């Protein structure tokens, strides 16, 4: 319960669903869907199919990010040229303001991410 009290308000509604239900067609554009959105925390389901970040684009968000790859494969590149390969079940924690980009996602299957964003 401590985790829940740190991130979520007692005013939030009960939610029940399945992360793999109704996966959208992401063959043209990556799809980002908010599951939870509160002042302290945001949880998103991200569905990719071969997308990557543009060569000159870097995420540098003001929030910490915890990401787990639920399905598919991906590569995350950091500004220091370090590349982290991810497969199903792998997770990473990206501290706020750390520049990173999606280098590659699976082209043969949907890549499903669960991302948790939160501030210090």
C-alpha atoms as a PDB file:
ATOM      1  CA  UNK A   1       0.000   0.000   0.000  1.00  0.00           C
ATOM      2  CA  UNK A   2       2.930   2.366   0.512  1.00  0.00           C
ATOM      3  CA  UNK A   3       3.630   2.344  -3.252  1.00  0.00           C
ATOM      4  CA  UNK A   4       0.013   3.239  -3.991  1.00  0.00           C
ATOM      5  CA  UNK A   5      -0.070   6.059  -1.442  1.00  0.00           C
ATOM      6  CA  UNK A   6       3.091   7.620  -2.908  1.00  0.00           C
ATOM      7  CA  UNK A   7       1.712   7.837  -6.434  1.00  0.00           C
ATOM      8  CA  UNK A   8      -2.060   7.687  -6.394  1.00  0.00           C
ATOM      9  CA  UNK A   9      -4.877   9.692  -4.901  1.00  0.00           C
ATOM     10  CA  UNK A  10      -7.565   8.049  -2.766  1.00  0.00           C
ATOM     11  CA  UNK A  11     -10.059   9.768  -5.106  1.00  0.00           C
ATOM     12  CA  UNK A  12      -9.144   7.550  -8.080  1.00  0.00           C
ATOM     13  CA  UNK A  13     -11.608   5.008  -9.455  1.00  0.00           C
ATOM     14  CA  UNK A  14     -11.165   1.249  -9.534  1.00  0.00           C
ATOM     15  CA  UNK A  15      -9.859  -0.002 -12.904  1.00  0.00           C
ATOM     16  CA  UNK A  16      -9.676  -3.560 -14.249  1.00  0.00           C
ATOM     17  CA  UNK A  17      -8.478  -4.497 -17.738  1.00  0.00           C
ATOM     18  CA  UNK A  18      -5.885  -6.605 -19.546  1.00  0.00           C
ATOM     19  CA  UNK A  19      -2.760  -4.984 -20.999  1.00  0.00           C
ATOM     20  CA  UNK A  20      -2.993  -7.178 -24.130  1.00  0.00           C
ATOM     21  CA  UNK A  21      -6.693  -6.584 -24.821  1.00  0.00           C
ATOM     22  CA  UNK A  22      -7.566  -4.601 -27.948  1.00  0.00           C
ATOM     23  CA  UNK A  23      -4.005  -3.886 -29.038  1.00  0.00           C
ATOM     24  CA  UNK A  24      -4.264  -1.082 -31.599  1.00  0.00           C
ATOM     25  CA  UNK A  25      -2.805  -1.144 -35.094  1.00  0.00           C
ATOM     26  CA  UNK A  26       0.514   0.646 -34.746  1.00  0.00           C
ATOM     27  CA  UNK A  27       1.817  -0.154 -38.219  1.00  0.00           C
ATOM     28  CA  UNK A  28       1.818   3.545 -39.193  1.00  0.00           C
ATOM     29  CA  UNK A  29       2.319   5.343 -35.880  1.00  0.00           C
ATOM     30  CA  UNK A  30       3.292   4.332 -32.381  1.00  0.00           C
ATOM     31  CA  UNK A  31       0.233   4.385 -30.083  1.00  0.00           C
ATOM     32  CA  UNK A  32       0.474   5.797 -26.558  1.00  0.00           C
ATOM     33  CA  UNK A  33      -2.493   5.214 -24.245  1.00  0.00           C
ATOM     34  CA  UNK A  34      -2.732   6.604 -20.710  1.00  0.00           C
ATOM     35  CA  UNK A  35      -3.883   4.000 -18.215  1.00  0.00           C
ATOM     36  CA  UNK A  36      -3.464   6.153 -15.091  1.00  0.00           C
ATOM     37  CA  UNK A  37      -2.892   9.889 -15.048  1.00  0.00           C
ATOM     38  CA  UNK A  38      -2.544  11.632 -11.704  1.00  0.00           C
ATOM     39  CA  UNK A  39      -0.568  14.673 -10.546  1.00  0.00           C
ATOM     40  CA  UNK A  40       2.121  12.372  -9.085  1.00  0.00           C
ATOM     41  CA  UNK A  41       2.233   9.520 -11.581  1.00  0.00           C
ATOM     42  CA  UNK A  42       1.374   8.573 -15.161  1.00  0.00           C
ATOM     43  CA  UNK A  43       1.199   5.014 -16.489  1.00  0.00           C
ATOM     44  CA  UNK A  44       1.061   4.396 -20.234  1.00  0.00           C
ATOM     45  CA  UNK A  45       0.669   1.428 -22.531  1.00  0.00           C
ATOM     46  CA  UNK A  46       2.781   2.013 -25.632  1.00  0.00           C
ATOM     47  CA  UNK A  47       2.370  -0.119 -28.751  1.00  0.00           C
ATOM     48  CA  UNK A  48       5.029   0.018 -31.476  1.00  0.00           C
ATOM     49  CA  UNK A  49       5.498  -1.821 -34.757  1.00  0.00           C
ATOM     50  CA  UNK A  50       8.891  -0.964 -36.216  1.00  0.00           C
ATOM     51  CA  UNK A  51       8.948   2.682 -35.112  1.00  0.00           C
ATOM     52  CA  UNK A  52      11.984   4.505 -33.833  1.00  0.00           C
ATOM     53  CA  UNK A  53      12.834   8.037 -32.794  1.00  0.00           C
ATOM     54  CA  UNK A  54      14.037  10.409 -35.524  1.00  0.00           C
ATOM     55  CA  UNK A  55      17.856  10.558 -35.755  1.00  0.00           C
ATOM     56  CA  UNK A  56      18.051  14.087 -34.346  1.00  0.00           C
ATOM     57  CA  UNK A  57      15.422  13.605 -31.589  1.00  0.00           C
ATOM     58  CA  UNK A  58      16.137  12.893 -27.911  1.00  0.00           C
ATOM     59  CA  UNK A  59      13.691  12.471 -25.057  1.00  0.00           C
ATOM     60  CA  UNK A  60      14.782  14.610 -22.106  1.00  0.00           C
ATOM     61  CA  UNK A  61      11.746  14.613 -19.875  1.00  0.00           C
ATOM     62  CA  UNK A  62      11.375  16.197 -16.452  1.00  0.00           C
ATOM     63  CA  UNK A  63      10.108  12.912 -14.974  1.00  0.00           C
ATOM     64  CA  UNK A  64      11.744   9.650 -13.983  1.00  0.00           C
ATOM     65  CA  UNK A  65      10.700   6.779 -16.213  1.00  0.00           C
ATOM     66  CA  UNK A  66      10.424   3.072 -15.431  1.00  0.00           C
ATOM     67  CA  UNK A  67       9.721   0.971 -18.533  1.00  0.00           C
ATOM     68  CA  UNK A  68       9.101  -2.755 -18.849  1.00  0.00           C
ATOM     69  CA  UNK A  69       8.940  -4.449 -22.227  1.00  0.00           C
ATOM     70  CA  UNK A  70       6.006  -6.863 -22.135  1.00  0.00           C
ATOM     71  CA  UNK A  71       6.068  -8.094 -25.726  1.00  0.00           C
ATOM     72  CA  UNK A  72       8.454  -7.799 -28.673  1.00  0.00           C
ATOM     73  CA  UNK A  73      11.983  -6.422 -28.784  1.00  0.00           C
ATOM     74  CA  UNK A  74      13.509  -2.955 -28.745  1.00  0.00           C
ATOM     75  CA  UNK A  75      16.717  -0.971 -28.466  1.00  0.00           C
ATOM     76  CA  UNK A  76      17.080   2.206 -26.415  1.00  0.00           C
ATOM     77  CA  UNK A  77      19.983   4.526 -27.208  1.00  0.00           C
ATOM     78  CA  UNK A  78      21.414   7.028 -24.760  1.00  0.00           C
ATOM     79  CA  UNK A  79      23.189  10.277 -25.632  1.00  0.00           C
ATOM     80  CA  UNK A  80      26.560   8.730 -24.693  1.00  0.00           C
ATOM     81  CA  UNK A  81      25.983   6.211 -27.561  1.00  0.00           C
ATOM     82  CA  UNK A  82      25.251   3.359 -25.150  1.00  0.00           C
ATOM     83  CA  UNK A  83      22.599   1.047 -26.613  1.00  0.00           C
ATOM     84  CA  UNK A  84      20.440  -1.137 -24.388  1.00  0.00           C
ATOM     85  CA  UNK A  85      18.757  -4.099 -26.095  1.00  0.00           C
ATOM     86  CA  UNK A  86      15.470  -5.164 -24.538  1.00  0.00           C
ATOM     87  CA  UNK A  87      13.478  -8.365 -24.850  1.00  0.00           C
ATOM     88  CA  UNK A  88      10.240  -9.486 -23.211  1.00  0.00           C
ATOM     89  CA  UNK A  89      10.415  -9.022 -19.459  1.00  0.00           C
ATOM     90  CA  UNK A  90      13.349  -6.582 -19.474  1.00  0.00           C
ATOM     91  CA  UNK A  91      12.940  -3.286 -17.687  1.00  0.00           C
ATOM     92  CA  UNK A  92      14.946  -0.099 -17.350  1.00  0.00           C
ATOM     93  CA  UNK A  93      14.867   2.942 -15.109  1.00  0.00           C
ATOM     94  CA  UNK A  94      15.693   6.234 -16.807  1.00  0.00           C
ATOM     95  CA  UNK A  95      16.318   9.130 -14.396  1.00  0.00           C
ATOM     96  CA  UNK A  96      14.782  12.490 -15.220  1.00  0.00           C
ATOM     97  CA  UNK A  97      16.616  14.587 -17.825  1.00  0.00           C
ATOM     98  CA  UNK A  98      18.644  11.610 -19.104  1.00  0.00           C
ATOM     99  CA  UNK A  99      18.669  11.948 -22.890  1.00  0.00           C
ATOM    100  CA  UNK A 100      17.502   8.826 -24.691  1.00  0.00           C
ATOM    101  CA  UNK A 101      15.702   7.689 -27.814  1.00  0.00           C
ATOM    102  CA  UNK A 102      14.076   4.577 -29.219  1.00  0.00           C
ATOM    103  CA  UNK A 103      16.593   3.188 -31.698  1.00  0.00           C
ATOM    104  CA  UNK A 104      14.545   0.226 -32.893  1.00  0.00           C
ATOM    105  CA  UNK A 105      11.373  -1.789 -32.213  1.00  0.00           C
ATOM    106  CA  UNK A 106      10.236  -5.149 -33.587  1.00  0.00           C
ATOM    107  CA  UNK A 107       8.976  -5.038 -37.157  1.00  0.00           C
ATOM    108  CA  UNK A 108       7.609  -8.595 -37.188  1.00  0.00           C
ATOM    109  CA  UNK A 109       5.452  -8.333 -34.069  1.00  0.00           C
ATOM    110  CA  UNK A 110       3.895  -5.637 -31.929  1.00  0.00           C
ATOM    111  CA  UNK A 111       6.115  -4.257 -29.200  1.00  0.00           C
ATOM    112  CA  UNK A 112       4.135  -3.567 -26.029  1.00  0.00           C
ATOM    113  CA  UNK A 113       5.651  -1.365 -23.349  1.00  0.00           C
ATOM    114  CA  UNK A 114       4.377  -0.387 -19.912  1.00  0.00           C
ATOM    115  CA  UNK A 115       5.831   2.957 -18.841  1.00  0.00           C
ATOM    116  CA  UNK A 116       5.580   4.557 -15.401  1.00  0.00           C
ATOM    117  CA  UNK A 117       6.484   8.256 -15.159  1.00  0.00           C
ATOM    118  CA  UNK A 118       6.944   9.977 -11.804  1.00  0.00           C
ATOM    119  CA  UNK A 119       8.661  12.964 -10.226  1.00  0.00           C
ATOM    120  CA  UNK A 120      11.092  12.886  -7.294  1.00  0.00           C
END
